[in-house]
C-alpha cells in the first residue's frame, strides 16, 4: 500500500502495510471519515511520525487515543492545536514541568516543538470518531503502533520512554530496560494525578539527565 508516512518510518514499518489487518484498518478508517466527523484531520493521522523521524527519536510518550472534540487533535498525543484551551491532563503536564524545571507554562498547548526535538508523541489509536472516546480502539491501530514501539526497541537505544497510566505502562514489556530509561507514573489526568504519583516525580529533569549522560541533546520542555 502507498501509505503517506515519513520515509524512515515507512522503511521500518513497511512489512505492516501489506498485512491483512492493516488493509482492513485503512478501509474501516476511510469509511469512518467518509460517513461521520473524525479526528484528527485525515492529513494529520501520521503527524507524530512525520514530525519525528525514526532515527531522531529521543523520547517516547504514549497516549491512548486522540482528543475527540472539534479543533483539538492534530496527531500528537496530549497536544492540542494553537488557540485551544488546555485539556486537564495537559495542564498537569505543564504544571509538573514548571515545578520540575522552572519552565513557565507556555501560552499554547501545541507540542509540535517537542516533536521536532525528538519526542515521539504516539497515541496507541491514531483516529477517533467525534465525541466518542476510544471509538476506533478496536479497528487495529494498536497492532500498528505496537509495531512502531517494537521497531524502536529493536533498532534504537538510549531512549526515554514515558509511560503514564495503566494503559501506557502495559507497553513496558516491549522495551529493553537495560539500554533505555523507562519512567512510569500515574496518568496526568486530574482523577489520577490528584491521588498522588504524578506531581513531584521529576520525570522531565530525569529524562534530560539521562539523555545528557549518553551524549544526547536534552529536550527543551
N, C-alpha and C. Protein backbone atom coordinates (compact mmCIF):
# COMPACT_ATOMS: atom_id res chain seq x y z
N UNK A 1 0.84 -1.19 0.00
CA UNK A 1 0.00 0.00 0.00
C UNK A 1 0.88 1.25 0.00
N UNK A 2 0.42 2.31 -0.63
CA UNK A 2 1.16 3.57 -0.67
C UNK A 2 0.72 4.44 0.50
N UNK A 3 1.30 4.21 1.67
CA UNK A 3 0.95 4.95 2.87
C UNK A 3 1.81 6.21 2.94
N UNK A 4 1.16 7.35 3.16
CA UNK A 4 1.87 8.62 3.22
C UNK A 4 2.41 8.83 4.64
N UNK A 5 3.63 8.39 4.85
CA UNK A 5 4.26 8.49 6.15
C UNK A 5 5.74 8.78 5.94
N UNK A 6 6.37 9.43 6.89
CA UNK A 6 7.76 9.85 6.78
C UNK A 6 8.66 8.67 6.39
N UNK A 7 9.68 8.94 5.58
CA UNK A 7 10.43 7.90 4.88
C UNK A 7 11.11 6.90 5.81
N UNK A 8 11.73 7.37 6.91
CA UNK A 8 12.43 6.43 7.78
C UNK A 8 11.45 5.53 8.51
N UNK A 9 10.29 6.05 8.87
CA UNK A 9 9.26 5.22 9.48
C UNK A 9 8.66 4.26 8.46
N UNK A 10 8.52 4.73 7.25
CA UNK A 10 7.98 3.85 6.20
C UNK A 10 8.89 2.64 6.02
N UNK A 11 10.19 2.87 6.06
CA UNK A 11 11.15 1.77 5.92
C UNK A 11 11.02 0.80 7.09
N UNK A 12 10.86 1.31 8.29
CA UNK A 12 10.77 0.47 9.48
C UNK A 12 9.47 -0.35 9.53
N UNK A 13 8.39 0.23 9.02
CA UNK A 13 7.06 -0.37 9.16
C UNK A 13 6.53 -0.96 7.86
N UNK A 14 7.39 -1.06 6.87
CA UNK A 14 6.97 -1.48 5.54
C UNK A 14 6.21 -2.80 5.55
N UNK A 15 6.66 -3.75 6.35
CA UNK A 15 6.01 -5.06 6.33
C UNK A 15 4.59 -5.00 6.90
N UNK A 16 4.32 -3.99 7.73
CA UNK A 16 2.97 -3.87 8.30
C UNK A 16 1.94 -3.49 7.24
N UNK A 17 2.34 -2.70 6.27
CA UNK A 17 1.38 -2.12 5.34
C UNK A 17 0.69 -3.15 4.45
N UNK A 18 1.34 -4.27 4.23
CA UNK A 18 0.75 -5.30 3.37
C UNK A 18 0.04 -6.40 4.16
N UNK A 19 0.02 -6.28 5.47
CA UNK A 19 -0.69 -7.28 6.28
C UNK A 19 -2.19 -7.08 6.21
N UNK A 20 -2.91 -8.16 6.35
CA UNK A 20 -4.38 -8.11 6.22
C UNK A 20 -5.00 -7.14 7.21
N UNK A 21 -4.50 -7.13 8.45
CA UNK A 21 -5.11 -6.26 9.46
C UNK A 21 -4.99 -4.80 9.06
N UNK A 22 -3.85 -4.41 8.45
CA UNK A 22 -3.65 -3.01 8.11
C UNK A 22 -4.54 -2.60 6.94
N UNK A 23 -4.73 -3.50 6.01
CA UNK A 23 -5.63 -3.21 4.90
C UNK A 23 -7.08 -3.07 5.39
N UNK A 24 -7.47 -3.92 6.32
CA UNK A 24 -8.80 -3.81 6.91
C UNK A 24 -8.93 -2.53 7.72
N UNK A 25 -7.87 -2.19 8.43
CA UNK A 25 -7.86 -0.97 9.24
C UNK A 25 -8.03 0.27 8.37
N UNK A 26 -7.25 0.38 7.32
CA UNK A 26 -7.33 1.57 6.48
C UNK A 26 -8.69 1.67 5.78
N UNK A 27 -9.24 0.54 5.41
CA UNK A 27 -10.57 0.55 4.80
C UNK A 27 -11.62 1.04 5.80
N UNK A 28 -11.54 0.55 7.03
CA UNK A 28 -12.51 0.94 8.05
C UNK A 28 -12.37 2.42 8.40
N UNK A 29 -11.13 2.89 8.52
CA UNK A 29 -10.91 4.30 8.85
C UNK A 29 -11.39 5.20 7.72
N UNK A 30 -11.11 4.82 6.50
CA UNK A 30 -11.56 5.61 5.35
C UNK A 30 -13.08 5.72 5.33
N UNK A 31 -13.75 4.62 5.62
CA UNK A 31 -15.21 4.62 5.65
C UNK A 31 -15.73 5.51 6.78
N UNK A 32 -15.08 5.45 7.94
CA UNK A 32 -15.48 6.29 9.07
C UNK A 32 -15.37 7.77 8.71
N UNK A 33 -14.26 8.16 8.10
CA UNK A 33 -14.05 9.57 7.75
C UNK A 33 -15.05 10.03 6.69
N UNK A 34 -15.47 9.13 5.83
CA UNK A 34 -16.45 9.49 4.80
C UNK A 34 -17.86 9.65 5.36
N UNK A 35 -18.16 8.91 6.42
CA UNK A 35 -19.53 8.84 6.93
C UNK A 35 -19.81 9.76 8.10
N UNK A 36 -18.79 10.14 8.86
CA UNK A 36 -19.02 10.93 10.07
C UNK A 36 -17.79 11.76 10.39
N UNK A 37 -17.93 12.70 11.30
CA UNK A 37 -16.79 13.52 11.71
C UNK A 37 -15.82 12.69 12.54
N UNK A 38 -14.53 12.74 12.17
CA UNK A 38 -13.49 12.02 12.88
C UNK A 38 -12.29 12.94 13.06
N UNK A 39 -11.47 12.60 14.03
CA UNK A 39 -10.27 13.38 14.32
C UNK A 39 -9.07 12.45 14.47
N UNK A 40 -7.86 12.97 14.22
CA UNK A 40 -7.53 14.31 13.72
C UNK A 40 -7.90 14.44 12.25
N UNK A 41 -7.72 15.61 11.64
CA UNK A 41 -7.91 15.71 10.20
C UNK A 41 -7.09 14.63 9.49
N UNK A 42 -7.63 14.09 8.42
CA UNK A 42 -7.01 12.93 7.76
C UNK A 42 -5.54 13.16 7.42
N UNK A 43 -5.20 14.37 7.04
CA UNK A 43 -3.80 14.64 6.64
C UNK A 43 -2.84 14.59 7.83
N UNK A 44 -3.38 14.58 9.05
CA UNK A 44 -2.54 14.61 10.25
C UNK A 44 -2.54 13.29 11.02
N UNK A 45 -3.13 12.25 10.45
CA UNK A 45 -3.21 10.97 11.17
C UNK A 45 -1.82 10.46 11.55
N UNK A 46 -0.83 10.62 10.67
CA UNK A 46 0.53 10.14 10.93
C UNK A 46 1.46 11.29 11.35
N UNK A 47 0.91 12.34 11.91
CA UNK A 47 1.68 13.53 12.25
C UNK A 47 2.82 13.23 13.22
N UNK A 48 2.58 12.36 14.20
CA UNK A 48 3.63 12.03 15.18
C UNK A 48 4.86 11.47 14.49
N UNK A 49 4.64 10.60 13.50
CA UNK A 49 5.75 10.00 12.75
C UNK A 49 6.40 11.02 11.82
N UNK A 50 5.58 11.84 11.17
CA UNK A 50 6.11 12.77 10.18
C UNK A 50 6.97 13.86 10.80
N UNK A 51 6.64 14.26 12.03
CA UNK A 51 7.40 15.31 12.70
C UNK A 51 8.63 14.78 13.43
N UNK A 52 8.67 13.47 13.65
CA UNK A 52 9.74 12.88 14.47
C UNK A 52 10.24 11.61 13.79
N UNK A 53 11.14 11.72 12.84
CA UNK A 53 11.65 10.56 12.13
C UNK A 53 12.25 9.51 13.06
N UNK A 54 12.26 8.28 12.60
CA UNK A 54 12.72 7.14 13.39
C UNK A 54 14.10 7.37 13.98
N UNK A 55 15.02 7.85 13.17
CA UNK A 55 16.40 7.98 13.62
C UNK A 55 16.66 9.22 14.45
N UNK A 56 15.61 10.03 14.68
CA UNK A 56 15.75 11.23 15.50
C UNK A 56 14.99 11.13 16.81
N UNK A 57 14.32 10.02 17.05
CA UNK A 57 13.56 9.86 18.30
C UNK A 57 14.51 9.84 19.49
N UNK A 58 14.17 10.63 20.50
CA UNK A 58 14.90 10.63 21.78
C UNK A 58 14.00 10.16 22.92
N UNK A 59 12.74 10.55 22.85
CA UNK A 59 11.77 10.31 23.92
C UNK A 59 10.48 9.79 23.30
N UNK A 60 9.82 8.85 23.98
CA UNK A 60 8.54 8.32 23.52
C UNK A 60 7.51 8.55 24.63
N UNK A 61 6.44 9.25 24.29
CA UNK A 61 5.33 9.47 25.22
C UNK A 61 4.09 8.83 24.60
N UNK A 62 3.52 7.87 25.29
CA UNK A 62 2.41 7.08 24.73
C UNK A 62 1.08 7.53 25.32
N UNK A 63 0.17 7.93 24.45
CA UNK A 63 -1.20 8.24 24.83
C UNK A 63 -2.12 7.12 24.37
N UNK A 64 -3.42 7.28 24.69
CA UNK A 64 -4.35 6.20 24.35
C UNK A 64 -5.04 6.44 23.02
N UNK A 65 -5.80 7.53 22.91
CA UNK A 65 -6.39 7.87 21.61
C UNK A 65 -6.55 9.38 21.52
N UNK A 66 -6.86 9.92 20.33
CA UNK A 66 -6.89 11.37 20.14
C UNK A 66 -8.03 12.03 20.93
N UNK A 67 -7.85 13.32 21.19
CA UNK A 67 -8.97 14.12 21.69
C UNK A 67 -10.11 14.04 20.69
N UNK A 68 -11.33 14.07 21.19
CA UNK A 68 -12.46 13.80 20.30
C UNK A 68 -13.43 14.97 20.14
N UNK A 69 -12.98 16.17 20.53
CA UNK A 69 -13.81 17.35 20.33
C UNK A 69 -13.20 18.24 19.23
N UNK A 70 -14.02 19.08 18.57
CA UNK A 70 -13.55 19.85 17.42
C UNK A 70 -12.33 20.72 17.73
N UNK A 71 -11.39 20.73 16.80
CA UNK A 71 -10.25 21.64 16.85
C UNK A 71 -9.12 21.23 17.77
N UNK A 72 -9.26 20.11 18.48
CA UNK A 72 -8.23 19.73 19.44
C UNK A 72 -7.13 18.89 18.80
N UNK A 73 -7.48 17.70 18.34
CA UNK A 73 -6.49 16.71 17.92
C UNK A 73 -5.77 17.12 16.64
N UNK A 74 -4.45 16.90 16.64
CA UNK A 74 -3.68 17.10 15.41
C UNK A 74 -2.59 16.06 15.28
N UNK A 75 -2.84 14.87 15.80
CA UNK A 75 -1.95 13.74 15.56
C UNK A 75 -0.81 13.57 16.53
N UNK A 76 -0.79 14.34 17.61
CA UNK A 76 0.25 14.24 18.63
C UNK A 76 -0.41 13.98 19.98
N UNK A 77 0.04 12.96 20.70
CA UNK A 77 -0.58 12.65 21.98
C UNK A 77 -0.43 13.81 22.96
N UNK A 78 -1.50 14.09 23.67
CA UNK A 78 -1.60 15.14 24.70
C UNK A 78 -1.58 16.55 24.15
N UNK A 79 -1.30 16.74 22.90
CA UNK A 79 -1.16 18.06 22.30
C UNK A 79 -2.48 18.55 21.71
N UNK A 80 -2.68 19.87 21.77
CA UNK A 80 -3.83 20.49 21.10
C UNK A 80 -3.33 21.59 20.18
N UNK A 81 -4.16 21.96 19.25
CA UNK A 81 -3.78 22.99 18.30
C UNK A 81 -3.75 24.37 18.97
N UNK A 82 -3.04 25.30 18.34
CA UNK A 82 -2.93 26.66 18.87
C UNK A 82 -4.31 27.26 19.10
N UNK A 83 -4.45 27.98 20.20
CA UNK A 83 -5.70 28.67 20.49
C UNK A 83 -6.75 27.82 21.19
N UNK A 84 -6.45 26.54 21.40
CA UNK A 84 -7.39 25.63 22.07
C UNK A 84 -7.05 25.58 23.56
N UNK A 85 -8.08 25.62 24.39
CA UNK A 85 -7.86 25.55 25.83
C UNK A 85 -7.15 24.25 26.21
N UNK A 86 -6.28 24.32 27.21
CA UNK A 86 -5.54 23.14 27.65
C UNK A 86 -6.49 22.11 28.27
N UNK A 87 -6.52 20.88 27.77
CA UNK A 87 -7.24 19.82 28.49
C UNK A 87 -6.60 19.61 29.86
N UNK A 88 -7.34 19.06 30.81
CA UNK A 88 -6.81 18.91 32.18
C UNK A 88 -5.49 18.14 32.27
N UNK A 89 -5.34 17.07 31.50
CA UNK A 89 -4.08 16.31 31.56
C UNK A 89 -2.90 17.16 31.12
N UNK A 90 -3.09 17.95 30.08
CA UNK A 90 -2.01 18.79 29.58
C UNK A 90 -1.69 19.89 30.59
N UNK A 91 -2.70 20.42 31.26
CA UNK A 91 -2.45 21.39 32.32
C UNK A 91 -1.52 20.81 33.37
N UNK A 92 -1.79 19.57 33.78
CA UNK A 92 -0.97 18.94 34.81
C UNK A 92 0.43 18.62 34.32
N UNK A 93 0.57 18.30 33.03
CA UNK A 93 1.90 18.09 32.46
C UNK A 93 2.72 19.38 32.56
N UNK A 94 2.11 20.48 32.16
CA UNK A 94 2.81 21.77 32.21
C UNK A 94 3.12 22.19 33.65
N UNK A 95 2.20 21.92 34.57
CA UNK A 95 2.44 22.26 35.98
C UNK A 95 3.65 21.50 36.52
N UNK A 96 3.74 20.21 36.17
CA UNK A 96 4.86 19.40 36.65
C UNK A 96 6.18 19.87 36.02
N UNK A 97 6.15 20.24 34.75
CA UNK A 97 7.35 20.77 34.10
C UNK A 97 7.80 22.06 34.80
N UNK A 98 6.83 22.91 35.13
CA UNK A 98 7.16 24.16 35.81
C UNK A 98 7.78 23.89 37.18
N UNK A 99 7.21 22.93 37.92
CA UNK A 99 7.74 22.60 39.24
C UNK A 99 9.11 21.92 39.14
N UNK A 100 9.28 21.10 38.13
CA UNK A 100 10.49 20.30 37.97
C UNK A 100 11.65 21.13 37.43
N UNK A 101 11.39 21.91 36.40
CA UNK A 101 12.45 22.59 35.67
C UNK A 101 12.41 24.12 35.79
N UNK A 102 11.32 24.65 36.35
CA UNK A 102 11.18 26.09 36.43
C UNK A 102 10.75 26.73 35.12
N UNK A 103 10.35 25.90 34.15
CA UNK A 103 9.93 26.40 32.85
C UNK A 103 8.50 26.94 32.93
N UNK A 104 8.27 28.20 32.59
CA UNK A 104 6.91 28.75 32.69
C UNK A 104 5.92 28.00 31.80
N UNK A 105 4.67 27.95 32.21
CA UNK A 105 3.62 27.33 31.40
C UNK A 105 3.47 28.12 30.11
N UNK A 106 3.54 27.46 28.96
CA UNK A 106 3.51 28.17 27.68
C UNK A 106 2.11 28.69 27.34
N UNK A 107 2.03 29.61 26.39
CA UNK A 107 0.73 30.14 26.01
C UNK A 107 -0.09 29.19 25.14
N UNK A 108 0.57 28.22 24.53
CA UNK A 108 -0.12 27.28 23.63
C UNK A 108 0.14 25.84 24.07
N UNK A 109 -0.88 25.00 23.87
CA UNK A 109 -0.75 23.57 24.16
C UNK A 109 -0.28 22.76 22.96
N UNK A 110 0.19 23.43 21.93
CA UNK A 110 0.69 22.76 20.73
C UNK A 110 2.10 22.24 21.01
N UNK A 111 2.26 20.93 20.99
CA UNK A 111 3.54 20.30 21.35
C UNK A 111 4.39 19.96 20.12
N UNK A 112 4.09 20.58 19.01
CA UNK A 112 4.90 20.36 17.80
C UNK A 112 6.38 20.61 18.09
N UNK A 113 6.67 21.61 18.92
CA UNK A 113 8.06 21.94 19.24
C UNK A 113 8.76 20.77 19.95
N UNK A 114 8.01 20.00 20.73
CA UNK A 114 8.59 18.80 21.34
C UNK A 114 8.90 17.77 20.26
N UNK A 115 7.91 17.53 19.40
CA UNK A 115 8.07 16.52 18.35
C UNK A 115 9.28 16.82 17.47
N UNK A 116 9.47 18.08 17.15
CA UNK A 116 10.57 18.47 16.28
C UNK A 116 11.93 18.32 16.96
N UNK A 117 11.93 18.19 18.29
CA UNK A 117 13.17 17.95 19.03
C UNK A 117 13.45 16.47 19.24
N UNK A 118 12.51 15.61 18.85
CA UNK A 118 12.74 14.17 19.00
C UNK A 118 11.83 13.48 19.99
N UNK A 119 10.71 14.10 20.34
CA UNK A 119 9.74 13.47 21.23
C UNK A 119 8.63 12.86 20.38
N UNK A 120 8.55 11.54 20.37
CA UNK A 120 7.51 10.85 19.62
C UNK A 120 6.25 10.82 20.48
N UNK A 121 5.28 11.63 20.10
CA UNK A 121 4.03 11.77 20.85
C UNK A 121 3.01 10.83 20.22
N UNK A 122 3.06 9.58 20.65
CA UNK A 122 2.37 8.49 19.95
C UNK A 122 1.11 8.06 20.69
N UNK A 123 -0.03 8.25 20.06
CA UNK A 123 -1.26 7.64 20.55
C UNK A 123 -1.31 6.19 20.08
N UNK A 124 -1.78 5.30 20.95
CA UNK A 124 -1.90 3.89 20.57
C UNK A 124 -2.93 3.71 19.46
N UNK A 125 -4.00 4.50 19.52
CA UNK A 125 -5.01 4.54 18.46
C UNK A 125 -4.90 5.90 17.80
N UNK A 126 -4.80 5.94 16.48
CA UNK A 126 -4.46 7.19 15.80
C UNK A 126 -5.66 7.99 15.34
N UNK A 127 -6.87 7.44 15.42
CA UNK A 127 -8.05 8.16 14.99
C UNK A 127 -9.19 7.93 15.99
N UNK A 128 -10.22 8.78 15.90
CA UNK A 128 -11.37 8.66 16.80
C UNK A 128 -12.58 9.31 16.14
N UNK A 129 -13.75 8.80 16.45
CA UNK A 129 -14.99 9.43 16.00
C UNK A 129 -15.31 10.61 16.91
N UNK A 130 -15.84 11.67 16.35
CA UNK A 130 -16.17 12.86 17.13
C UNK A 130 -17.04 12.52 18.33
N UNK A 131 -16.69 13.08 19.48
CA UNK A 131 -17.46 12.99 20.72
C UNK A 131 -17.52 11.57 21.30
N UNK A 132 -16.72 10.64 20.79
CA UNK A 132 -16.79 9.25 21.24
C UNK A 132 -15.39 8.71 21.54
N UNK A 133 -14.95 8.89 22.77
CA UNK A 133 -13.62 8.41 23.15
C UNK A 133 -13.48 6.92 22.90
N UNK A 134 -12.32 6.52 22.44
CA UNK A 134 -11.98 5.11 22.19
C UNK A 134 -12.84 4.43 21.13
N UNK A 135 -13.53 5.21 20.32
CA UNK A 135 -14.45 4.63 19.33
C UNK A 135 -13.74 3.88 18.22
N UNK A 136 -12.46 4.14 18.01
CA UNK A 136 -11.69 3.43 16.97
C UNK A 136 -10.67 2.47 17.57
N UNK A 137 -10.81 2.19 18.87
CA UNK A 137 -9.79 1.39 19.54
C UNK A 137 -9.79 -0.08 19.12
N UNK A 138 -10.84 -0.53 18.48
CA UNK A 138 -10.91 -1.93 18.06
C UNK A 138 -10.66 -2.12 16.57
N UNK A 139 -10.26 -1.07 15.88
CA UNK A 139 -10.09 -1.15 14.42
C UNK A 139 -8.77 -1.78 14.00
N UNK A 140 -7.78 -1.81 14.91
CA UNK A 140 -6.49 -2.40 14.55
C UNK A 140 -5.30 -1.48 14.69
N UNK A 141 -5.54 -0.24 15.09
CA UNK A 141 -4.43 0.71 15.22
C UNK A 141 -3.36 0.23 16.19
N UNK A 142 -3.80 -0.43 17.26
CA UNK A 142 -2.83 -0.80 18.30
C UNK A 142 -1.80 -1.80 17.80
N UNK A 143 -2.18 -2.66 16.88
CA UNK A 143 -1.20 -3.58 16.31
C UNK A 143 -0.14 -2.80 15.54
N UNK A 144 -0.57 -1.74 14.85
CA UNK A 144 0.35 -0.92 14.08
C UNK A 144 1.27 -0.12 15.00
N UNK A 145 0.71 0.53 16.01
CA UNK A 145 1.55 1.36 16.88
C UNK A 145 2.44 0.50 17.78
N UNK A 146 1.99 -0.70 18.13
CA UNK A 146 2.89 -1.63 18.84
C UNK A 146 4.07 -1.99 17.96
N UNK A 147 3.83 -2.14 16.66
CA UNK A 147 4.93 -2.44 15.74
C UNK A 147 5.95 -1.30 15.72
N UNK A 148 5.47 -0.06 15.85
CA UNK A 148 6.37 1.09 15.90
C UNK A 148 7.22 1.05 17.17
N UNK A 149 6.60 0.71 18.30
CA UNK A 149 7.34 0.60 19.56
C UNK A 149 8.38 -0.51 19.47
N UNK A 150 7.99 -1.62 18.89
CA UNK A 150 8.94 -2.74 18.74
C UNK A 150 10.10 -2.37 17.82
N UNK A 151 9.81 -1.60 16.78
CA UNK A 151 10.87 -1.18 15.87
C UNK A 151 11.89 -0.31 16.61
N UNK A 152 11.41 0.59 17.46
CA UNK A 152 12.32 1.41 18.25
C UNK A 152 13.10 0.55 19.24
N UNK A 153 12.42 -0.40 19.86
CA UNK A 153 13.08 -1.28 20.83
C UNK A 153 14.19 -2.08 20.19
N UNK A 154 13.98 -2.48 18.93
CA UNK A 154 14.98 -3.30 18.23
C UNK A 154 16.09 -2.48 17.61
N UNK A 155 15.76 -1.28 17.13
CA UNK A 155 16.72 -0.54 16.32
C UNK A 155 17.35 0.67 16.95
N UNK A 156 16.90 1.06 18.14
CA UNK A 156 17.44 2.25 18.79
C UNK A 156 17.77 1.94 20.24
N UNK A 157 18.60 2.76 20.84
CA UNK A 157 18.91 2.61 22.26
C UNK A 157 19.11 3.98 22.89
N UNK A 158 19.18 4.00 24.20
CA UNK A 158 19.31 5.24 24.98
C UNK A 158 18.13 6.18 24.73
N UNK A 159 16.95 5.60 24.58
CA UNK A 159 15.72 6.38 24.50
C UNK A 159 15.09 6.47 25.88
N UNK A 160 14.26 7.48 26.08
CA UNK A 160 13.48 7.61 27.30
C UNK A 160 12.02 7.36 26.96
N UNK A 161 11.43 6.38 27.62
CA UNK A 161 10.02 6.06 27.44
C UNK A 161 9.26 6.56 28.66
N UNK A 162 8.31 7.46 28.43
CA UNK A 162 7.47 7.99 29.50
C UNK A 162 6.12 7.31 29.42
N UNK A 163 5.84 6.45 30.38
CA UNK A 163 4.63 5.64 30.37
C UNK A 163 3.73 6.10 31.50
N UNK A 164 2.66 6.81 31.14
CA UNK A 164 1.79 7.46 32.11
C UNK A 164 0.44 6.75 32.17
N UNK A 165 0.14 6.16 33.29
CA UNK A 165 -1.13 5.47 33.45
C UNK A 165 -1.04 4.01 33.06
N UNK A 166 -2.05 3.26 33.49
CA UNK A 166 -2.04 1.81 33.29
C UNK A 166 -1.95 1.38 31.84
N UNK A 167 -2.61 2.10 30.96
CA UNK A 167 -2.60 1.69 29.55
C UNK A 167 -1.19 1.80 28.98
N UNK A 168 -0.56 2.96 29.15
CA UNK A 168 0.79 3.14 28.62
C UNK A 168 1.78 2.18 29.29
N UNK A 169 1.60 1.96 30.57
CA UNK A 169 2.52 1.08 31.30
C UNK A 169 2.40 -0.37 30.83
N UNK A 170 1.27 -0.71 30.25
CA UNK A 170 1.10 -2.07 29.73
C UNK A 170 2.01 -2.33 28.53
N UNK A 171 2.61 -1.29 27.97
CA UNK A 171 3.53 -1.44 26.84
C UNK A 171 4.97 -1.68 27.28
N UNK A 172 5.22 -1.62 28.57
CA UNK A 172 6.60 -1.67 29.07
C UNK A 172 7.32 -2.97 28.72
N UNK A 173 6.56 -4.06 28.58
CA UNK A 173 7.19 -5.35 28.31
C UNK A 173 7.94 -5.37 26.98
N UNK A 174 7.62 -4.47 26.08
CA UNK A 174 8.27 -4.45 24.76
C UNK A 174 9.60 -3.71 24.78
N UNK A 175 9.92 -3.04 25.87
CA UNK A 175 11.05 -2.11 25.90
C UNK A 175 12.23 -2.73 26.65
N UNK A 176 13.41 -2.83 26.03
CA UNK A 176 14.61 -3.33 26.73
C UNK A 176 15.09 -2.31 27.76
N UNK A 177 14.94 -2.63 29.02
CA UNK A 177 15.24 -1.67 30.09
C UNK A 177 16.74 -1.57 30.36
N UNK A 178 17.53 -2.48 29.82
CA UNK A 178 18.97 -2.42 30.04
C UNK A 178 19.65 -1.38 29.16
N UNK A 179 18.98 -0.91 28.11
CA UNK A 179 19.61 0.07 27.24
C UNK A 179 18.70 1.27 26.94
N UNK A 180 17.68 1.46 27.77
CA UNK A 180 16.79 2.61 27.67
C UNK A 180 16.38 3.00 29.08
N UNK A 181 15.81 4.18 29.22
CA UNK A 181 15.25 4.61 30.50
C UNK A 181 13.73 4.57 30.40
N UNK A 182 13.09 3.83 31.30
CA UNK A 182 11.63 3.75 31.32
C UNK A 182 11.14 4.45 32.58
N UNK A 183 10.37 5.52 32.40
CA UNK A 183 9.80 6.28 33.50
C UNK A 183 8.30 6.01 33.55
N UNK A 184 7.85 5.38 34.61
CA UNK A 184 6.44 5.04 34.75
C UNK A 184 5.81 5.86 35.87
N UNK A 185 4.57 6.28 35.65
CA UNK A 185 3.85 7.03 36.68
C UNK A 185 2.36 6.87 36.44
N UNK A 186 1.58 7.44 37.36
CA UNK A 186 0.14 7.51 37.12
C UNK A 186 -0.11 8.47 35.95
N UNK A 187 -1.32 8.45 35.45
CA UNK A 187 -1.71 9.33 34.35
C UNK A 187 -1.82 10.77 34.86
N UNK A 188 -1.51 11.75 34.02
CA UNK A 188 -1.62 13.15 34.47
C UNK A 188 -3.04 13.68 34.56
N UNK A 189 -4.04 12.90 34.24
CA UNK A 189 -5.42 13.37 34.38
C UNK A 189 -5.71 13.71 35.84
N UNK A 190 -6.56 14.69 36.11
CA UNK A 190 -6.82 15.08 37.50
C UNK A 190 -7.24 13.92 38.40
N UNK A 191 -8.05 13.01 37.88
CA UNK A 191 -8.53 11.89 38.69
C UNK A 191 -7.37 11.08 39.24
N UNK A 192 -6.36 10.85 38.41
CA UNK A 192 -5.20 10.08 38.84
C UNK A 192 -4.16 10.95 39.54
N UNK A 193 -3.85 12.08 38.95
CA UNK A 193 -2.76 12.92 39.46
C UNK A 193 -3.02 13.42 40.87
N UNK A 194 -4.27 13.76 41.15
CA UNK A 194 -4.59 14.31 42.46
C UNK A 194 -4.53 13.27 43.57
N UNK A 195 -4.49 12.00 43.20
CA UNK A 195 -4.34 10.94 44.20
C UNK A 195 -2.88 10.72 44.58
N UNK A 196 -1.99 11.33 43.85
CA UNK A 196 -0.56 11.19 44.12
C UNK A 196 0.13 10.33 43.10
N UNK A 197 1.42 10.59 42.88
CA UNK A 197 2.20 9.78 41.94
C UNK A 197 2.45 10.46 40.61
N UNK A 198 1.91 11.66 40.43
CA UNK A 198 2.23 12.42 39.21
C UNK A 198 3.15 13.59 39.54
N UNK A 199 2.69 14.45 40.43
CA UNK A 199 3.49 15.61 40.78
C UNK A 199 4.69 15.20 41.65
N UNK A 200 5.80 15.87 41.40
CA UNK A 200 6.99 15.63 42.20
C UNK A 200 7.82 14.44 41.78
N UNK A 201 7.54 13.87 40.62
CA UNK A 201 8.31 12.71 40.16
C UNK A 201 9.58 13.11 39.40
N UNK A 202 9.66 14.38 39.02
CA UNK A 202 10.85 14.91 38.32
C UNK A 202 11.17 14.12 37.06
N UNK A 203 10.15 13.71 36.35
CA UNK A 203 10.39 12.91 35.15
C UNK A 203 11.13 13.67 34.06
N UNK A 204 10.84 14.96 33.96
CA UNK A 204 11.40 15.71 32.84
C UNK A 204 12.88 16.03 33.07
N UNK A 205 13.25 16.32 34.30
CA UNK A 205 14.68 16.50 34.58
C UNK A 205 15.42 15.16 34.53
N UNK A 206 14.78 14.10 35.01
CA UNK A 206 15.42 12.77 34.93
C UNK A 206 15.63 12.36 33.48
N UNK A 207 14.65 12.66 32.64
CA UNK A 207 14.77 12.39 31.20
C UNK A 207 15.97 13.12 30.62
N UNK A 208 16.07 14.42 30.91
CA UNK A 208 17.16 15.20 30.34
C UNK A 208 18.51 14.78 30.89
N UNK A 209 18.56 14.42 32.16
CA UNK A 209 19.83 13.94 32.74
C UNK A 209 20.29 12.67 32.04
N UNK A 210 19.34 11.78 31.76
CA UNK A 210 19.70 10.52 31.08
C UNK A 210 20.19 10.80 29.67
N UNK A 211 19.49 11.65 28.95
CA UNK A 211 19.92 11.97 27.59
C UNK A 211 21.33 12.58 27.60
N UNK A 212 21.53 13.54 28.48
CA UNK A 212 22.84 14.21 28.54
C UNK A 212 23.95 13.23 28.91
N UNK A 213 23.64 12.29 29.81
CA UNK A 213 24.66 11.32 30.23
C UNK A 213 25.06 10.38 29.10
N UNK A 214 24.21 10.32 28.06
CA UNK A 214 24.52 9.49 26.90
C UNK A 214 24.91 10.32 25.68
N UNK A 215 25.27 11.58 25.93
CA UNK A 215 25.75 12.43 24.86
C UNK A 215 24.68 12.90 23.91
N UNK A 216 23.43 12.94 24.38
CA UNK A 216 22.28 13.32 23.54
C UNK A 216 21.76 14.67 24.00
N UNK A 217 21.46 15.55 23.08
CA UNK A 217 20.96 16.88 23.41
C UNK A 217 19.64 16.77 24.18
N UNK A 218 19.54 17.36 25.36
CA UNK A 218 18.30 17.30 26.13
C UNK A 218 17.15 18.02 25.43
N UNK A 219 15.95 17.75 25.91
CA UNK A 219 14.74 18.38 25.36
C UNK A 219 14.49 19.71 26.04
N UNK A 220 14.15 20.70 25.26
CA UNK A 220 13.69 21.98 25.80
C UNK A 220 12.19 21.87 26.03
N UNK A 221 11.84 21.44 27.24
CA UNK A 221 10.43 21.22 27.56
C UNK A 221 9.66 22.55 27.68
